[in-house]
Amino acid sequence: VQHVVGTGATHTSPAFHDAYHPYLDMVWAYRVAVRGELKDRTFSPASFGWDAWDGRERCPVCREELAAGA
């Protein structure tokens, strides 16, 4: 994400979008790992009513692509 933004991509650009979802997935994986290390109650995407950590199901761009059959 940092590299894409450094090249001038805005948060609504396809380049940012393509970098954001893998980043978000890794952020949540890290949070889950830290909670596990700290012996805290773990959680899953289902804890939030989501299917996955990457946010694609909540992303307007991804939903639009899915609706268009992409």
C-alpha atoms as a PDB file:
ATOM      1  CA  VAL A   1       0.000   0.000   0.000  1.00  0.00           C
ATOM      2  CA  GLN A   2       2.800   2.393   0.923  1.00  0.00           C
ATOM      3  CA  HIS A   3       4.549   1.807  -2.398  1.00  0.00           C
ATOM      4  CA  VAL A   4       1.348   2.296  -4.400  1.00  0.00           C
ATOM      5  CA  VAL A   5       0.510   5.504  -2.565  1.00  0.00           C
ATOM      6  CA  GLY A   6       4.117   6.617  -3.077  1.00  0.00           C
ATOM      7  CA  THR A   7       3.616   6.310  -6.827  1.00  0.00           C
ATOM      8  CA  GLY A   8       0.657   8.683  -6.597  1.00  0.00           C
ATOM      9  CA  ALA A   9      -2.281   6.285  -6.363  1.00  0.00           C
ATOM     10  CA  THR A  10      -5.321   7.663  -4.575  1.00  0.00           C
ATOM     11  CA  HIS A  11      -7.505   5.602  -2.263  1.00  0.00           C
ATOM     12  CA  THR A  12     -10.104   5.256  -5.022  1.00  0.00           C
ATOM     13  CA  SER A  13      -7.668   4.081  -7.712  1.00  0.00           C
ATOM     14  CA  PRO A  14      -7.510   0.503  -9.023  1.00  0.00           C
ATOM     15  CA  ALA A  15      -3.833   0.265  -7.985  1.00  0.00           C
ATOM     16  CA  PHE A  16      -4.663   1.151  -4.382  1.00  0.00           C
ATOM     17  CA  HIS A  17      -7.623  -1.225  -4.405  1.00  0.00           C
ATOM     18  CA  ASP A  18      -5.458  -4.112  -5.650  1.00  0.00           C
ATOM     19  CA  ALA A  19      -2.866  -3.500  -2.919  1.00  0.00           C
ATOM     20  CA  TYR A  20      -5.330  -2.778  -0.123  1.00  0.00           C
ATOM     21  CA  HIS A  21      -7.129  -6.122   0.171  1.00  0.00           C
ATOM     22  CA  PRO A  22      -3.986  -8.271   0.630  1.00  0.00           C
ATOM     23  CA  TYR A  23      -2.708  -5.672   3.116  1.00  0.00           C
ATOM     24  CA  LEU A  24      -5.956  -5.724   5.091  1.00  0.00           C
ATOM     25  CA  ASP A  25      -5.895  -9.516   5.151  1.00  0.00           C
ATOM     26  CA  MET A  26      -2.369  -9.446   6.630  1.00  0.00           C
ATOM     27  CA  VAL A  27      -3.274  -6.791   9.216  1.00  0.00           C
ATOM     28  CA  TRP A  28      -6.085  -8.959  10.551  1.00  0.00           C
ATOM     29  CA  ALA A  29      -3.896 -12.077  10.513  1.00  0.00           C
ATOM     30  CA  TYR A  30      -1.336 -10.152  12.564  1.00  0.00           C
ATOM     31  CA  ARG A  31      -3.971  -8.992  15.051  1.00  0.00           C
ATOM     32  CA  VAL A  32      -5.225 -12.552  15.493  1.00  0.00           C
ATOM     33  CA  ALA A  33      -1.653 -13.807  16.017  1.00  0.00           C
ATOM     34  CA  VAL A  34      -0.921 -11.127  18.613  1.00  0.00           C
ATOM     35  CA  ARG A  35      -4.103 -11.905  20.513  1.00  0.00           C
ATOM     36  CA  GLY A  36      -3.124 -15.579  20.480  1.00  0.00           C
ATOM     37  CA  GLU A  37       0.366 -14.766  21.773  1.00  0.00           C
ATOM     38  CA  LEU A  38      -1.117 -12.681  24.553  1.00  0.00           C
ATOM     39  CA  LYS A  39      -3.531 -15.492  25.405  1.00  0.00           C
ATOM     40  CA  ASP A  40      -6.421 -13.172  24.730  1.00  0.00           C
ATOM     41  CA  ARG A  41      -9.735 -14.309  23.324  1.00  0.00           C
ATOM     42  CA  THR A  42      -9.255 -14.904  19.618  1.00  0.00           C
ATOM     43  CA  PHE A  43     -11.750 -13.909  16.990  1.00  0.00           C
ATOM     44  CA  SER A  44     -12.504 -14.748  13.391  1.00  0.00           C
ATOM     45  CA  PRO A  45     -14.099 -12.929  10.457  1.00  0.00           C
ATOM     46  CA  ALA A  46     -17.385 -14.524  11.526  1.00  0.00           C
ATOM     47  CA  SER A  47     -17.100 -12.588  14.817  1.00  0.00           C
ATOM     48  CA  PHE A  48     -17.883  -9.511  12.741  1.00  0.00           C
ATOM     49  CA  GLY A  49     -20.326 -11.166  10.346  1.00  0.00           C
ATOM     50  CA  TRP A  50     -17.718 -11.305   7.576  1.00  0.00           C
ATOM     51  CA  ASP A  51     -16.638 -14.176   5.326  1.00  0.00           C
ATOM     52  CA  ALA A  52     -12.937 -13.243   5.200  1.00  0.00           C
ATOM     53  CA  TRP A  53     -10.454 -10.759   6.630  1.00  0.00           C
ATOM     54  CA  ASP A  54      -9.553  -9.109   3.309  1.00  0.00           C
ATOM     55  CA  GLY A  55     -12.704  -6.967   3.163  1.00  0.00           C
ATOM     56  CA  ARG A  56     -13.640  -7.825  -0.409  1.00  0.00           C
ATOM     57  CA  GLU A  57     -17.251  -8.624   0.520  1.00  0.00           C
ATOM     58  CA  ARG A  58     -17.650  -5.139   2.004  1.00  0.00           C
ATOM     59  CA  CYS A  59     -15.793  -3.336  -0.782  1.00  0.00           C
ATOM     60  CA  PRO A  60     -17.971  -1.339  -3.188  1.00  0.00           C
ATOM     61  CA  VAL A  61     -15.460  -1.896  -6.021  1.00  0.00           C
ATOM     62  CA  CYS A  62     -15.418  -5.667  -5.530  1.00  0.00           C
ATOM     63  CA  ARG A  63     -19.191  -5.829  -5.200  1.00  0.00           C
ATOM     64  CA  GLU A  64     -19.563  -3.827  -8.414  1.00  0.00           C
ATOM     65  CA  GLU A  65     -17.160  -6.172 -10.235  1.00  0.00           C
ATOM     66  CA  LEU A  66     -19.050  -9.193  -8.934  1.00  0.00           C
ATOM     67  CA  ALA A  67     -22.378  -7.737 -10.038  1.00  0.00           C
ATOM     68  CA  ALA A  68     -20.911  -7.068 -13.489  1.00  0.00           C
ATOM     69  CA  GLY A  69     -19.694 -10.657 -13.727  1.00  0.00           C
ATOM     70  CA  ALA A  70     -15.982  -9.824 -13.590  1.00  0.00           C
END
